[in-house]
Protein backbone atom coordinates (compact mmCIF):
# COMPACT_ATOMS: atom_id res chain seq x y z
CA UNK A 1 -0.11 -0.10 0.32
CA UNK A 2 1.44 3.35 -1.09
CA UNK A 3 1.88 6.17 2.03
CA UNK A 4 1.53 8.91 0.03
CA UNK A 5 -2.18 9.42 -1.59
CA UNK A 6 -3.39 12.05 -4.47
CA UNK A 7 -6.30 13.72 -3.50
CA UNK A 8 -6.73 14.15 -7.18
CA UNK A 9 -6.72 10.66 -8.01
CA UNK A 10 -9.78 9.56 -5.40
CA UNK A 11 -13.31 9.40 -6.58
CA UNK A 12 -15.84 11.75 -4.69
CA UNK A 13 -18.65 10.37 -2.27
CA UNK A 14 -21.28 12.80 -3.14
CA UNK A 15 -23.36 13.73 0.65
CA UNK A 16 -26.16 16.21 1.27
CA UNK A 17 -24.45 19.74 0.48
CA UNK A 18 -21.17 18.08 -0.03
CA UNK A 19 -18.55 15.90 -1.45
CA UNK A 20 -16.19 13.65 0.48
CA UNK A 21 -13.04 12.00 -0.14
CA UNK A 22 -11.30 9.33 2.15
CA UNK A 23 -7.67 9.51 1.94
CA UNK A 24 -6.40 7.80 5.00
CA UNK A 25 -8.95 4.68 6.39
CA UNK A 26 -7.56 1.39 7.88
CA UNK A 27 -8.46 -0.06 4.69
CA UNK A 28 -6.51 2.07 2.59
CA UNK A 29 -3.11 2.66 4.22
CA UNK A 30 -1.39 0.57 7.07
CA UNK A 31 -2.02 2.98 9.34
CA UNK A 32 -4.96 2.03 12.33
CA UNK A 33 -4.31 5.30 14.51
CA UNK A 34 -6.31 7.73 12.57
CA UNK A 35 -8.22 8.40 9.52
CA UNK A 36 -8.55 11.62 7.07
CA UNK A 37 -10.92 12.88 4.92
CA UNK A 38 -11.22 16.33 3.10
CA UNK A 39 -14.80 17.62 2.37
CA UNK A 40 -16.02 20.28 0.15
CA UNK A 41 -19.17 21.87 1.33
CA UNK A 42 -20.95 23.90 -1.03
CA UNK A 43 -22.03 27.41 -0.69
CA UNK A 44 -25.18 28.01 1.62
CA UNK A 45 -24.50 24.10 2.41
CA UNK A 46 -24.99 22.45 5.88
CA UNK A 47 -23.16 18.99 6.77
CA UNK A 48 -26.53 17.00 7.58
CA UNK A 49 -27.36 15.71 9.28
CA UNK A 50 -26.06 16.25 12.95
CA UNK A 51 -23.86 13.58 13.87
CA UNK A 52 -21.78 12.54 16.65
CA UNK A 53 -19.07 9.89 16.93
CA UNK A 54 -19.30 8.34 20.12
CA UNK A 55 -15.47 6.39 20.19
CA UNK A 56 -13.27 8.68 18.16
CA UNK A 57 -11.92 12.38 18.59
CA UNK A 58 -12.17 14.26 15.16
CA UNK A 59 -9.90 17.62 14.26
CA UNK A 60 -11.92 19.66 11.42
CA UNK A 61 -9.02 22.37 9.37
CA UNK A 62 -10.68 24.98 7.47
CA UNK A 63 -8.11 25.14 4.22
CA UNK A 64 -11.06 27.74 2.50
CA UNK A 65 -14.25 29.39 3.49
CA UNK A 66 -15.83 30.42 5.98
CA UNK A 67 -18.87 29.79 8.33
CA UNK A 68 -20.49 28.55 11.19
CA UNK A 69 -19.80 25.47 13.57
CA UNK A 70 -22.61 23.64 15.48
CA UNK A 71 -20.89 21.97 18.95
CA UNK A 72 -23.35 20.49 21.37
CA UNK A 73 -25.75 23.49 21.25
CA UNK A 74 -23.17 26.11 20.53
CA UNK A 75 -22.69 27.98 17.59
CA UNK A 76 -19.71 29.52 16.38
CA UNK A 77 -17.86 31.59 13.84
CA UNK A 78 -15.02 30.07 11.80
CA UNK A 79 -13.07 31.05 8.63
CA UNK A 80 -9.79 29.16 6.71
CA UNK A 81 -7.32 28.21 9.16
CA UNK A 82 -9.65 27.60 11.64
CA UNK A 83 -9.05 24.67 13.53
CA UNK A 84 -12.15 22.40 15.41
CA UNK A 85 -12.09 20.09 18.04
CA UNK A 86 -14.96 17.78 18.16
CA UNK A 87 -14.29 15.41 21.05
CA UNK A 88 -16.00 11.87 21.36
CA UNK A 89 -19.70 12.05 21.29
CA UNK A 90 -20.07 15.80 20.78
CA UNK A 91 -22.97 16.37 18.20
CA UNK A 92 -21.40 18.80 15.69
CA UNK A 93 -22.42 20.03 12.41
CA UNK A 94 -20.97 22.54 9.87
CA UNK A 95 -22.25 24.98 7.81
CA UNK A 96 -20.61 27.29 4.78
CA UNK A 97 -22.52 30.66 5.20
CA UNK A 98 -20.22 32.15 2.03
CA UNK A 99 -20.74 32.05 -1.40
CA UNK A 100 -17.98 30.35 -2.44
CA UNK A 101 -17.21 26.35 -1.72
CA UNK A 102 -15.39 25.36 1.37
CA UNK A 103 -12.71 22.77 1.97
CA UNK A 104 -11.90 21.19 5.04
CA UNK A 105 -9.43 18.43 6.30
CA UNK A 106 -10.91 16.06 9.04
CA UNK A 107 -8.69 13.69 11.15
CA UNK A 108 -10.05 11.14 13.54
CA UNK A 109 -8.36 9.40 16.19
CA UNK A 110 -8.83 6.34 16.71
CA UNK A 111 -9.35 5.68 13.06
CA UNK A 112 -12.91 6.36 11.80
CA UNK A 113 -15.36 5.20 9.03
CA UNK A 114 -19.07 6.17 8.44
CA UNK A 115 -19.70 3.33 10.37
CA UNK A 116 -18.81 5.01 13.26
CA UNK A 117 -21.30 7.80 13.01
CA UNK A 118 -23.98 8.38 14.73
CA UNK A 119 -26.63 10.62 13.46
CA UNK A 120 -28.94 12.84 14.94
CA UNK A 121 -31.34 14.16 12.39
CA UNK A 122 -33.83 15.47 15.15
CA UNK A 123 -30.67 18.59 15.75
CA UNK A 124 -31.03 21.51 13.67
CA UNK A 125 -28.67 23.80 12.66
CA UNK A 126 -30.30 27.10 14.68
CA UNK A 127 -30.48 30.12 12.12
């Protein structure tokens, strides 16, 4: 398995309001300690549904764009260069409130996949 991944060679997974690419998962590389994806959130969209990772911490780093983040009922502004920590179990969402696409890199420890997401469809991002 290669330890060097080229993002432009990985296909996007289309999800509500966003496109996602898993770059590192235990299935793709030798590491079991972390996983990583990049997400493009289209202008004016929110990552839905709200979700948590019961056994995983996640750090999201904004590569471009600006918007708002929801963490356990608290909404805060974020912009390019923001690093956001979602501790295990916290319910969160990210909203792109700009007119341009937002790009983020997401790092999970230990390694996570979609199977490790707990969805909270009853949680709505406040306006």
